[in-house]
PDB file of N, CA and C in Angstrom:
ATOM      1  N   MET A   1      -5.188   6.006 -27.164  1.00  0.00           N
ATOM      2  CA  MET A   1      -3.971   5.885 -26.789  1.00  0.00           C
ATOM      3  C   MET A   1      -3.711   6.301 -25.435  1.00  0.00           C
ATOM      4  N   MET A   2      -3.257   5.369 -24.424  1.00  0.00           N
ATOM      5  CA  MET A   2      -2.800   6.256 -23.324  1.00  0.00           C
ATOM      6  C   MET A   2      -1.179   6.661 -23.341  1.00  0.00           C
ATOM      7  N   ASN A   3      -1.239   7.996 -22.820  1.00  0.00           N
ATOM      8  CA  ASN A   3       0.329   9.089 -22.532  1.00  0.00           C
ATOM      9  C   ASN A   3       0.649   8.521 -21.127  1.00  0.00           C
ATOM     10  N   TYR A   4       1.870   8.223 -20.876  1.00  0.00           N
ATOM     11  CA  TYR A   4       2.353   7.914 -19.671  1.00  0.00           C
ATOM     12  C   TYR A   4       2.557   9.556 -19.153  1.00  0.00           C
ATOM     13  N   LYS A   5       2.284   9.898 -18.206  1.00  0.00           N
ATOM     14  CA  LYS A   5       2.668  11.144 -17.504  1.00  0.00           C
ATOM     15  C   LYS A   5       3.718  10.880 -16.367  1.00  0.00           C
ATOM     16  N   SER A   6       4.678  11.571 -16.015  1.00  0.00           N
ATOM     17  CA  SER A   6       5.402  11.009 -15.076  1.00  0.00           C
ATOM     18  C   SER A   6       4.486  12.168 -13.664  1.00  0.00           C
ATOM     19  N   CYS A   7       4.377  11.371 -12.398  1.00  0.00           N
ATOM     20  CA  CYS A   7       3.910  12.363 -11.331  1.00  0.00           C
ATOM     21  C   CYS A   7       5.100  13.163 -10.529  1.00  0.00           C
ATOM     22  N   PRO A   8       4.854  14.040 -10.243  1.00  0.00           N
ATOM     23  CA  PRO A   8       6.010  14.821  -9.369  1.00  0.00           C
ATOM     24  C   PRO A   8       6.383  14.438  -8.226  1.00  0.00           C
ATOM     25  N   LEU A   9       7.522  14.479  -7.588  1.00  0.00           N
ATOM     26  CA  LEU A   9       8.052  13.569  -6.193  1.00  0.00           C
ATOM     27  C   LEU A   9       7.049  14.256  -5.432  1.00  0.00           C
ATOM     28  N   THR A  10       6.384  14.390  -4.431  1.00  0.00           N
ATOM     29  CA  THR A  10       5.739  15.765  -3.558  1.00  0.00           C
ATOM     30  C   THR A  10       5.713  14.471  -1.943  1.00  0.00           C
ATOM     31  N   ASP A  11       6.167  15.800  -1.178  1.00  0.00           N
ATOM     32  CA  ASP A  11       6.127  15.445   0.335  1.00  0.00           C
ATOM     33  C   ASP A  11       4.639  15.685   1.058  1.00  0.00           C
ATOM     34  N   ARG A  12       4.242  15.410   1.758  1.00  0.00           N
ATOM     35  CA  ARG A  12       3.177  15.625   2.749  1.00  0.00           C
ATOM     36  C   ARG A  12       2.506  16.753   2.644  1.00  0.00           C
ATOM     37  N   VAL A  13       3.421  17.743   3.392  1.00  0.00           N
ATOM     38  CA  VAL A  13       2.939  18.789   3.171  1.00  0.00           C
ATOM     39  C   VAL A  13       2.427  19.444   1.784  1.00  0.00           C
ATOM     40  N   THR A  14       3.152  19.565   1.370  1.00  0.00           N
ATOM     41  CA  THR A  14       2.674  19.629  -0.409  1.00  0.00           C
ATOM     42  C   THR A  14       1.511  18.795  -0.718  1.00  0.00           C
ATOM     43  N   PHE A  15       1.506  18.141  -0.402  1.00  0.00           N
ATOM     44  CA  PHE A  15       0.267  17.589  -0.562  1.00  0.00           C
ATOM     45  C   PHE A  15      -0.953  17.669  -0.207  1.00  0.00           C
ATOM     46  N   LEU A  16      -1.239  17.742   1.431  1.00  0.00           N
ATOM     47  CA  LEU A  16      -1.807  18.341   2.301  1.00  0.00           C
ATOM     48  C   LEU A  16      -2.378  19.275   1.696  1.00  0.00           C
ATOM     49  N   LYS A  17      -1.361  20.427   1.038  1.00  0.00           N
ATOM     50  CA  LYS A  17      -2.322  21.828   0.631  1.00  0.00           C
ATOM     51  C   LYS A  17      -2.400  21.875  -0.448  1.00  0.00           C
ATOM     52  N   THR A  18      -2.494  20.838  -1.103  1.00  0.00           N
ATOM     53  CA  THR A  18      -2.968  20.680  -2.889  1.00  0.00           C
ATOM     54  C   THR A  18      -3.899  19.970  -2.450  1.00  0.00           C
ATOM     55  N   LEU A  19      -4.271  19.690  -1.836  1.00  0.00           N
ATOM     56  CA  LEU A  19      -5.441  18.362  -1.739  1.00  0.00           C
ATOM     57  C   LEU A  19      -6.770  19.680  -1.090  1.00  0.00           C
ATOM     58  N   GLN A  20      -6.367  20.339  -0.182  1.00  0.00           N
ATOM     59  CA  GLN A  20      -7.474  21.904  -0.151  1.00  0.00           C
ATOM     60  C   GLN A  20      -8.027  22.552  -1.027  1.00  0.00           C
ATOM     61  N   GLY A  21      -7.408  22.481  -2.099  1.00  0.00           N
ATOM     62  CA  GLY A  21      -7.679  22.916  -3.216  1.00  0.00           C
ATOM     63  C   GLY A  21      -8.575  22.512  -4.094  1.00  0.00           C
ATOM     64  N   SER A  22      -9.017  22.880  -5.650  1.00  0.00           N
ATOM     65  CA  SER A  22      -9.931  22.380  -6.345  1.00  0.00           C
ATOM     66  C   SER A  22      -9.209  21.846  -7.770  1.00  0.00           C
ATOM     67  N   ASP A  23      -8.012  21.815  -7.776  1.00  0.00           N
ATOM     68  CA  ASP A  23      -7.789  21.290  -8.974  1.00  0.00           C
ATOM     69  C   ASP A  23      -7.590  19.862  -8.389  1.00  0.00           C
ATOM     70  N   LEU A  24      -8.272  19.018  -9.543  1.00  0.00           N
ATOM     71  CA  LEU A  24      -8.211  17.539  -9.475  1.00  0.00           C
ATOM     72  C   LEU A  24      -7.001  16.876 -10.283  1.00  0.00           C
ATOM     73  N   GLU A  25      -6.576  17.681 -11.325  1.00  0.00           N
ATOM     74  CA  GLU A  25      -5.366  16.915 -11.588  1.00  0.00           C
ATOM     75  C   GLU A  25      -4.222  17.239 -11.022  1.00  0.00           C
ATOM     76  N   ALA A  26      -4.050  18.335 -10.345  1.00  0.00           N
ATOM     77  CA  ALA A  26      -3.070  18.243  -9.436  1.00  0.00           C
ATOM     78  C   ALA A  26      -3.083  18.006  -8.270  1.00  0.00           C
ATOM     79  N   ILE A  27      -3.964  17.378  -7.605  1.00  0.00           N
ATOM     80  CA  ILE A  27      -4.552  16.631  -6.351  1.00  0.00           C
ATOM     81  C   ILE A  27      -4.214  15.234  -6.650  1.00  0.00           C
ATOM     82  N   CYS A  28      -4.796  14.592  -8.388  1.00  0.00           N
ATOM     83  CA  CYS A  28      -4.358  13.569  -8.518  1.00  0.00           C
ATOM     84  C   CYS A  28      -2.987  12.764  -8.760  1.00  0.00           C
ATOM     85  N   SER A  29      -2.317  13.659  -9.448  1.00  0.00           N
ATOM     86  CA  SER A  29      -0.621  13.634  -9.738  1.00  0.00           C
ATOM     87  C   SER A  29       0.087  13.643  -8.223  1.00  0.00           C
ATOM     88  N   GLN A  30      -0.132  15.048  -7.355  1.00  0.00           N
ATOM     89  CA  GLN A  30       0.702  14.897  -6.483  1.00  0.00           C
ATOM     90  C   GLN A  30       0.246  13.338  -5.590  1.00  0.00           C
ATOM     91  N   MET A  31      -1.114  12.894  -5.495  1.00  0.00           N
ATOM     92  CA  MET A  31      -1.142  12.195  -4.733  1.00  0.00           C
ATOM     93  C   MET A  31      -0.037  10.656  -5.187  1.00  0.00           C
ATOM     94  N   ILE A  32      -0.722  10.365  -6.119  1.00  0.00           N
ATOM     95  CA  ILE A  32       0.413   9.345  -6.586  1.00  0.00           C
ATOM     96  C   ILE A  32       1.644   9.699  -6.260  1.00  0.00           C
ATOM     97  N   GLY A  33       2.556  11.088  -6.701  1.00  0.00           N
ATOM     98  CA  GLY A  33       3.873  10.649  -6.705  1.00  0.00           C
ATOM     99  C   GLY A  33       3.955  11.082  -4.762  1.00  0.00           C
ATOM    100  N   PHE A  34       2.925  11.356  -4.606  1.00  0.00           N
ATOM    101  CA  PHE A  34       3.316  11.200  -2.849  1.00  0.00           C
ATOM    102  C   PHE A  34       3.078   9.489  -2.613  1.00  0.00           C
ATOM    103  N   THR A  35       2.465   8.977  -2.799  1.00  0.00           N
ATOM    104  CA  THR A  35       2.281   7.434  -2.559  1.00  0.00           C
ATOM    105  C   THR A  35       3.718   7.286  -3.424  1.00  0.00           C
ATOM    106  N   GLU A  36       3.938   6.877  -4.510  1.00  0.00           N
ATOM    107  CA  GLU A  36       5.126   6.816  -5.125  1.00  0.00           C
ATOM    108  C   GLU A  36       6.668   6.721  -4.090  1.00  0.00           C
ATOM    109  N   TYR A  37       6.883   8.129  -3.867  1.00  0.00           N
ATOM    110  CA  TYR A  37       8.036   8.788  -3.342  1.00  0.00           C
ATOM    111  C   TYR A  37       8.164   8.621  -1.587  1.00  0.00           C
ATOM    112  N   GLU A  38       6.790   8.420  -1.116  1.00  0.00           N
ATOM    113  CA  GLU A  38       7.352   8.978   0.528  1.00  0.00           C
ATOM    114  C   GLU A  38       7.846   7.367   1.035  1.00  0.00           C
ATOM    115  N   ALA A  39       8.852   7.455   1.765  1.00  0.00           N
ATOM    116  CA  ALA A  39       9.528   6.526   2.366  1.00  0.00           C
ATOM    117  C   ALA A  39       9.134   5.539   3.243  1.00  0.00           C
ATOM    118  N   ASP A  40       8.056   6.673   4.169  1.00  0.00           N
ATOM    119  CA  ASP A  40       7.573   6.095   5.326  1.00  0.00           C
ATOM    120  C   ASP A  40       6.318   5.184   5.032  1.00  0.00           C
ATOM    121  N   TRP A  41       6.323   3.968   4.947  1.00  0.00           N
ATOM    122  CA  TRP A  41       4.842   3.592   4.515  1.00  0.00           C
ATOM    123  C   TRP A  41       3.627   3.762   5.136  1.00  0.00           C
ATOM    124  N   LYS A  42       4.159   3.682   6.541  1.00  0.00           N
ATOM    125  CA  LYS A  42       2.777   4.410   7.934  1.00  0.00           C
ATOM    126  C   LYS A  42       2.756   5.404   7.205  1.00  0.00           C
ATOM    127  N   GLN A  43       3.409   6.339   7.421  1.00  0.00           N
ATOM    128  CA  GLN A  43       3.215   7.967   6.789  1.00  0.00           C
ATOM    129  C   GLN A  43       2.142   7.995   5.774  1.00  0.00           C
ATOM    130  N   ALA A  44       2.687   7.425   4.926  1.00  0.00           N
ATOM    131  CA  ALA A  44       1.881   7.240   3.255  1.00  0.00           C
ATOM    132  C   ALA A  44       0.477   6.788   3.521  1.00  0.00           C
ATOM    133  N   GLN A  45       0.602   5.273   4.150  1.00  0.00           N
ATOM    134  CA  GLN A  45      -0.995   4.822   4.225  1.00  0.00           C
ATOM    135  C   GLN A  45      -1.694   6.102   5.161  1.00  0.00           C
ATOM    136  N   ASN A  46      -1.245   6.119   6.043  1.00  0.00           N
ATOM    137  CA  ASN A  46      -2.129   7.123   6.748  1.00  0.00           C
ATOM    138  C   ASN A  46      -2.927   8.757   6.540  1.00  0.00           C
ATOM    139  N   THR A  47      -1.870   8.759   5.657  1.00  0.00           N
ATOM    140  CA  THR A  47      -2.208  10.307   4.308  1.00  0.00           C
ATOM    141  C   THR A  47      -3.600  10.082   3.634  1.00  0.00           C
ATOM    142  N   ILE A  48      -2.931   8.458   3.011  1.00  0.00           N
ATOM    143  CA  ILE A  48      -3.867   8.160   1.987  1.00  0.00           C
ATOM    144  C   ILE A  48      -5.303   7.724   2.236  1.00  0.00           C
ATOM    145  N   LEU A  49      -5.213   6.807   3.665  1.00  0.00           N
ATOM    146  CA  LEU A  49      -6.434   6.595   4.587  1.00  0.00           C
ATOM    147  C   LEU A  49      -7.455   8.226   4.691  1.00  0.00           C
ATOM    148  N   MET A  50      -7.065   9.189   4.716  1.00  0.00           N
ATOM    149  CA  MET A  50      -7.553  10.527   4.629  1.00  0.00           C
ATOM    150  C   MET A  50      -8.607  10.652   3.895  1.00  0.00           C
ATOM    151  N   CYS A  51      -7.822  10.651   2.668  1.00  0.00           N
ATOM    152  CA  CYS A  51      -8.297  10.857   1.178  1.00  0.00           C
ATOM    153  C   CYS A  51      -9.300   9.920   1.226  1.00  0.00           C
ATOM    154  N   LEU A  52      -9.673   8.870   1.776  1.00  0.00           N
ATOM    155  CA  LEU A  52     -11.013   8.091   1.269  1.00  0.00           C
ATOM    156  C   LEU A  52     -12.381   8.469   1.549  1.00  0.00           C
ATOM    157  N   ARG A  53     -11.913   9.326   2.409  1.00  0.00           N
ATOM    158  CA  ARG A  53     -13.249  10.088   2.947  1.00  0.00           C
ATOM    159  C   ARG A  53     -13.618  11.451   2.150  1.00  0.00           C
ATOM    160  N   ASP A  54     -12.617  11.744   1.071  1.00  0.00           N
ATOM    161  CA  ASP A  54     -12.883  12.986   0.565  1.00  0.00           C
ATOM    162  C   ASP A  54     -14.481  12.911   0.045  1.00  0.00           C
ATOM    163  N   PRO A  55     -14.732  14.083  -0.253  1.00  0.00           N
ATOM    164  CA  PRO A  55     -16.534  14.158  -0.726  1.00  0.00           C
ATOM    165  C   PRO A  55     -16.194  13.456  -2.624  1.00  0.00           C
ATOM    166  N   ARG A  56     -15.231  13.906  -3.211  1.00  0.00           N
ATOM    167  CA  ARG A  56     -14.626  14.118  -4.598  1.00  0.00           C
ATOM    168  C   ARG A  56     -14.490  12.694  -5.041  1.00  0.00           C
ATOM    169  N   PRO A  57     -15.617  11.680  -5.726  1.00  0.00           N
ATOM    170  CA  PRO A  57     -15.148  10.477  -6.198  1.00  0.00           C
ATOM    171  C   PRO A  57     -13.572  10.272  -6.858  1.00  0.00           C
ATOM    172  N   GLU A  58     -13.382  11.195  -7.692  1.00  0.00           N
ATOM    173  CA  GLU A  58     -12.313  10.996  -8.107  1.00  0.00           C
ATOM    174  C   GLU A  58     -11.232  10.857  -7.132  1.00  0.00           C
ATOM    175  N   VAL A  59     -10.697  11.566  -6.102  1.00  0.00           N
ATOM    176  CA  VAL A  59      -9.764  11.543  -5.069  1.00  0.00           C
ATOM    177  C   VAL A  59     -10.290  10.440  -4.383  1.00  0.00           C
ATOM    178  N   SER A  60     -11.049  10.051  -4.147  1.00  0.00           N
ATOM    179  CA  SER A  60     -11.432   8.746  -3.213  1.00  0.00           C
ATOM    180  C   SER A  60     -11.051   7.862  -3.491  1.00  0.00           C
ATOM    181  N   ALA A  61     -11.455   7.269  -5.057  1.00  0.00           N
ATOM    182  CA  ALA A  61     -11.560   6.157  -5.957  1.00  0.00           C
ATOM    183  C   ALA A  61      -9.816   6.056  -5.927  1.00  0.00           C
ATOM    184  N   LEU A  62      -9.113   7.254  -6.191  1.00  0.00           N
ATOM    185  CA  LEU A  62      -7.563   7.194  -6.354  1.00  0.00           C
ATOM    186  C   LEU A  62      -6.879   6.825  -5.047  1.00  0.00           C
ATOM    187  N   ALA A  63      -7.588   6.874  -3.785  1.00  0.00           N
ATOM    188  CA  ALA A  63      -7.258   6.603  -2.657  1.00  0.00           C
ATOM    189  C   ALA A  63      -6.969   5.124  -2.505  1.00  0.00           C
ATOM    190  N   VAL A  64      -8.129   4.576  -2.777  1.00  0.00           N
ATOM    191  CA  VAL A  64      -8.530   3.176  -2.849  1.00  0.00           C
ATOM    192  C   VAL A  64      -7.193   2.646  -3.661  1.00  0.00           C
ATOM    193  N   THR A  65      -6.698   3.129  -4.812  1.00  0.00           N
ATOM    194  CA  THR A  65      -5.459   2.665  -5.869  1.00  0.00           C
ATOM    195  C   THR A  65      -4.447   2.426  -5.154  1.00  0.00           C
ATOM    196  N   CYS A  66      -4.066   3.961  -4.710  1.00  0.00           N
ATOM    197  CA  CYS A  66      -3.111   4.453  -4.229  1.00  0.00           C
ATOM    198  C   CYS A  66      -2.964   3.376  -2.807  1.00  0.00           C
ATOM    199  N   LEU A  67      -3.746   2.752  -2.337  1.00  0.00           N
ATOM    200  CA  LEU A  67      -2.994   1.835  -0.827  1.00  0.00           C
ATOM    201  C   LEU A  67      -2.831   0.776  -1.462  1.00  0.00           C
ATOM    202  N   GLY A  68      -3.361   0.213  -2.653  1.00  0.00           N
ATOM    203  CA  GLY A  68      -2.673  -0.965  -3.400  1.00  0.00           C
ATOM    204  C   GLY A  68      -1.422  -0.512  -4.013  1.00  0.00           C
ATOM    205  N   HIS A  69      -0.845   0.456  -4.289  1.00  0.00           N
ATOM    206  CA  HIS A  69       0.702   0.889  -4.558  1.00  0.00           C
ATOM    207  C   HIS A  69       1.639   0.862  -3.238  1.00  0.00           C
ATOM    208  N   ILE A  70       1.045   1.479  -2.416  1.00  0.00           N
ATOM    209  CA  ILE A  70       1.628   1.051  -0.960  1.00  0.00           C
ATOM    210  C   ILE A  70       2.237  -0.092  -0.515  1.00  0.00           C
ATOM    211  N   ALA A  71       1.092  -1.043  -0.673  1.00  0.00           N
ATOM    212  CA  ALA A  71       1.147  -2.661  -0.497  1.00  0.00           C
ATOM    213  C   ALA A  71       2.552  -2.914  -1.410  1.00  0.00           C
ATOM    214  N   ARG A  72       2.530  -2.594  -2.760  1.00  0.00           N
ATOM    215  CA  ARG A  72       2.864  -3.201  -3.611  1.00  0.00           C
ATOM    216  C   ARG A  72       4.879  -2.708  -3.612  1.00  0.00           C
ATOM    217  N   ILE A  73       4.628  -1.698  -3.329  1.00  0.00           N
ATOM    218  CA  ILE A  73       6.073  -0.387  -3.206  1.00  0.00           C
ATOM    219  C   ILE A  73       6.855  -0.933  -2.083  1.00  0.00           C
ATOM    220  N   HIS A  74       6.174  -0.993  -1.028  1.00  0.00           N
ATOM    221  CA  HIS A  74       6.457  -0.938   0.301  1.00  0.00           C
ATOM    222  C   HIS A  74       6.650  -2.318   0.970  1.00  0.00           C
ATOM    223  N   GLY A  75       5.930  -3.297   0.288  1.00  0.00           N
ATOM    224  CA  GLY A  75       5.667  -5.026   0.934  1.00  0.00           C
ATOM    225  C   GLY A  75       4.769  -4.805   2.255  1.00  0.00           C
ATOM    226  N   LYS A  76       4.661  -3.658   2.666  1.00  0.00           N
ATOM    227  CA  LYS A  76       3.570  -3.309   4.141  1.00  0.00           C
ATOM    228  C   LYS A  76       3.154  -2.548   3.836  1.00  0.00           C
ATOM    229  N   ILE A  77       2.079  -3.323   4.930  1.00  0.00           N
ATOM    230  CA  ILE A  77       0.535  -2.026   4.876  1.00  0.00           C
ATOM    231  C   ILE A  77       0.005  -2.539   6.293  1.00  0.00           C
ATOM    232  N   ASP A  78      -0.820  -1.540   7.066  1.00  0.00           N
ATOM    233  CA  ASP A  78      -1.376  -1.848   8.172  1.00  0.00           C
ATOM    234  C   ASP A  78      -2.839  -2.855   7.625  1.00  0.00           C
ATOM    235  N   LYS A  79      -2.565  -4.232   7.247  1.00  0.00           N
ATOM    236  CA  LYS A  79      -3.990  -4.739   6.690  1.00  0.00           C
ATOM    237  C   LYS A  79      -5.068  -4.634   7.300  1.00  0.00           C
ATOM    238  N   GLU A  80      -5.118  -4.719   8.390  1.00  0.00           N
ATOM    239  CA  GLU A  80      -6.838  -4.585   9.471  1.00  0.00           C
ATOM    240  C   GLU A  80      -7.239  -3.143   9.481  1.00  0.00           C
ATOM    241  N   ILE A  81      -6.257  -2.410   9.838  1.00  0.00           N
ATOM    242  CA  ILE A  81      -6.979  -0.720   9.286  1.00  0.00           C
ATOM    243  C   ILE A  81      -7.288  -0.408   7.907  1.00  0.00           C
ATOM    244  N   VAL A  82      -6.734  -1.059   6.938  1.00  0.00           N
ATOM    245  CA  VAL A  82      -6.995  -0.929   5.565  1.00  0.00           C
ATOM    246  C   VAL A  82      -8.083  -1.188   5.395  1.00  0.00           C
ATOM    247  N   LYS A  83      -7.845  -2.334   5.571  1.00  0.00           N
ATOM    248  CA  LYS A  83      -9.247  -3.744   5.273  1.00  0.00           C
ATOM    249  C   LYS A  83     -10.368  -2.709   5.921  1.00  0.00           C
ATOM    250  N   GLN A  84     -10.643  -2.693   7.614  1.00  0.00           N
ATOM    251  CA  GLN A  84     -11.467  -1.814   8.269  1.00  0.00           C
ATOM    252  C   GLN A  84     -12.040  -0.703   7.269  1.00  0.00           C
ATOM    253  N   GLN A  85     -11.168   0.191   6.885  1.00  0.00           N
ATOM    254  CA  GLN A  85     -11.192   1.581   6.359  1.00  0.00           C
ATOM    255  C   GLN A  85     -11.648   1.088   5.077  1.00  0.00           C
ATOM    256  N   LEU A  86     -11.781   0.213   4.070  1.00  0.00           N
ATOM    257  CA  LEU A  86     -12.528  -0.025   3.077  1.00  0.00           C
ATOM    258  C   LEU A  86     -13.650  -0.766   3.230  1.00  0.00           C
ATOM    259  N   ALA A  87     -13.735  -1.579   4.008  1.00  0.00           N
ATOM    260  CA  ALA A  87     -15.087  -2.092   4.525  1.00  0.00           C
ATOM    261  C   ALA A  87     -16.207  -1.115   5.078  1.00  0.00           C
ATOM    262  N   SER A  88     -15.699   0.261   5.202  1.00  0.00           N
ATOM    263  CA  SER A  88     -16.673   0.760   5.804  1.00  0.00           C
ATOM    264  C   SER A  88     -17.102   2.064   4.900  1.00  0.00           C
ATOM    265  N   MET A  89     -16.369   2.005   4.091  1.00  0.00           N
ATOM    266  CA  MET A  89     -16.716   2.847   2.824  1.00  0.00           C
ATOM    267  C   MET A  89     -18.315   3.221   2.739  1.00  0.00           C
ATOM    268  N   HIS A  90     -19.002   3.944   1.844  1.00  0.00           N
ATOM    269  CA  HIS A  90     -19.988   4.156   1.222  1.00  0.00           C
ATOM    270  C   HIS A  90     -19.618   4.097   0.089  1.00  0.00           C
ATOM    271  N   ILE A  91     -19.902   2.490  -0.576  1.00  0.00           N
ATOM    272  CA  ILE A  91     -19.580   1.948  -1.712  1.00  0.00           C
ATOM    273  C   ILE A  91     -20.087   2.184  -2.804  1.00  0.00           C
ATOM    274  N   GLN A  92     -19.717   2.902  -4.094  1.00  0.00           N
ATOM    275  CA  GLN A  92     -20.554   2.909  -5.339  1.00  0.00           C
ATOM    276  C   GLN A  92     -20.244   1.827  -5.903  1.00  0.00           C
ATOM    277  N   ASN A  93     -21.103   1.504  -7.002  1.00  0.00           N
ATOM    278  CA  ASN A  93     -20.854   0.281  -7.367  1.00  0.00           C
ATOM    279  C   ASN A  93     -19.879   0.305  -8.545  1.00  0.00           C
ATOM    280  N   ASP A  94     -19.669   1.317  -8.890  1.00  0.00           N
ATOM    281  CA  ASP A  94     -18.225   1.305  -9.843  1.00  0.00           C
ATOM    282  C   ASP A  94     -16.875   1.633  -9.106  1.00  0.00           C
ATOM    283  N   MET A  95     -16.846   1.335  -7.412  1.00  0.00           N
ATOM    284  CA  MET A  95     -15.819   1.186  -6.931  1.00  0.00           C
ATOM    285  C   MET A  95     -15.659  -0.302  -6.062  1.00  0.00           C
ATOM    286  N   GLN A  96     -16.239  -1.092  -6.233  1.00  0.00           N
ATOM    287  CA  GLN A  96     -16.410  -2.295  -5.501  1.00  0.00           C
ATOM    288  C   GLN A  96     -15.188  -3.112  -6.247  1.00  0.00           C
ATOM    289  N   GLY A  97     -15.381  -2.879  -7.876  1.00  0.00           N
ATOM    290  CA  GLY A  97     -14.255  -3.825  -8.213  1.00  0.00           C
ATOM    291  C   GLY A  97     -12.899  -3.419  -8.164  1.00  0.00           C
ATOM    292  N   ARG A  98     -12.725  -2.108  -8.238  1.00  0.00           N
ATOM    293  CA  ARG A  98     -11.578  -1.505  -7.895  1.00  0.00           C
ATOM    294  C   ARG A  98     -10.944  -1.949  -6.273  1.00  0.00           C
ATOM    295  N   ILE A  99     -11.855  -1.741  -5.336  1.00  0.00           N
ATOM    296  CA  ILE A  99     -11.685  -1.637  -3.851  1.00  0.00           C
ATOM    297  C   ILE A  99     -10.916  -3.947  -3.904  1.00  0.00           C
ATOM    298  N   GLU A 100     -11.939  -4.202  -4.815  1.00  0.00           N
ATOM    299  CA  GLU A 100     -12.002  -5.954  -4.480  1.00  0.00           C
ATOM    300  C   GLU A 100     -10.147  -6.273  -5.309  1.00  0.00           C
ATOM    301  N   ASP A 101      -9.768  -5.184  -6.330  1.00  0.00           N
ATOM    302  CA  ASP A 101      -8.286  -5.265  -6.878  1.00  0.00           C
ATOM    303  C   ASP A 101      -7.660  -5.129  -5.875  1.00  0.00           C
ATOM    304  N   VAL A 102      -7.030  -4.062  -5.131  1.00  0.00           N
ATOM    305  CA  VAL A 102      -6.665  -3.711  -3.944  1.00  0.00           C
ATOM    306  C   VAL A 102      -6.226  -4.140  -3.194  1.00  0.00           C
ATOM    307  N   LEU A 103      -7.591  -5.157  -2.430  1.00  0.00           N
ATOM    308  CA  LEU A 103      -7.598  -5.992  -1.426  1.00  0.00           C
ATOM    309  C   LEU A 103      -6.426  -7.179  -2.039  1.00  0.00           C
ATOM    310  N   ASP A 104      -6.793  -7.766  -3.430  1.00  0.00           N
ATOM    311  CA  ASP A 104      -6.176  -8.890  -3.685  1.00  0.00           C
ATOM    312  C   ASP A 104      -4.411  -8.241  -3.815  1.00  0.00           C
ATOM    313  N   ASP A 105      -4.008  -7.076  -4.025  1.00  0.00           N
ATOM    314  CA  ASP A 105      -2.944  -6.569  -3.986  1.00  0.00           C
ATOM    315  C   ASP A 105      -1.949  -6.561  -2.835  1.00  0.00           C
ATOM    316  N   ILE A 106      -3.196  -6.106  -2.084  1.00  0.00           N
ATOM    317  CA  ILE A 106      -2.597  -5.979  -0.706  1.00  0.00           C
ATOM    318  C   ILE A 106      -2.191  -7.522   0.101  1.00  0.00           C
ATOM    319  N   ASN A 107      -3.064  -8.661  -0.032  1.00  0.00           N
ATOM    320  CA  ASN A 107      -2.960  -9.888   0.272  1.00  0.00           C
ATOM    321  C   ASN A 107      -1.765 -10.125  -0.140  1.00  0.00           C
ATOM    322  N   TYR A 108      -1.284 -10.095  -1.696  1.00  0.00           N
ATOM    323  CA  TYR A 108      -0.073 -10.879  -2.547  1.00  0.00           C
ATOM    324  C   TYR A 108       1.042  -9.561  -1.946  1.00  0.00           C
ATOM    325  N   PHE A 109       1.700  -8.634  -2.043  1.00  0.00           N
ATOM    326  CA  PHE A 109       2.179  -7.832  -2.182  1.00  0.00           C
ATOM    327  C   PHE A 109       2.599  -7.350  -0.739  1.00  0.00           C
ATOM    328  N   ALA A 110       1.320  -7.159   0.453  1.00  0.00           N
ATOM    329  CA  ALA A 110       2.242  -7.134   1.719  1.00  0.00           C
ATOM    330  C   ALA A 110       2.231  -8.021   3.043  1.00  0.00           C
ATOM    331  N   GLN A 111       2.964  -8.112   3.611  1.00  0.00           N
ATOM    332  CA  GLN A 111       3.398  -8.934   4.562  1.00  0.00           C
ATOM    333  C   GLN A 111       2.366  -8.816   6.043  1.00  0.00           C
TER     334      GLN A 111
END
């Protein structure tokens, strides 16, 4: 059974500070909170794009998902930049499906 856990409202400065640490649960929770609550879609997009290069697979995988959330929440995303960044990722087999889902979300929700 899955349990819903609310993510904290997180600003960019707080998230980036947490991202430098090693607490993966806090990083992931704050990444979702930042993605959901950041009013500036471009700021959210650019911050999450940085996370694609994080060496921790939990962080980079969640960053992929968060890009889809940005498209869904804001109805906007820079499709060319995001698609280019996703295409240039060193893709592990378990990430391919996630990336395809996010690209579908971007194409459906973003202008």
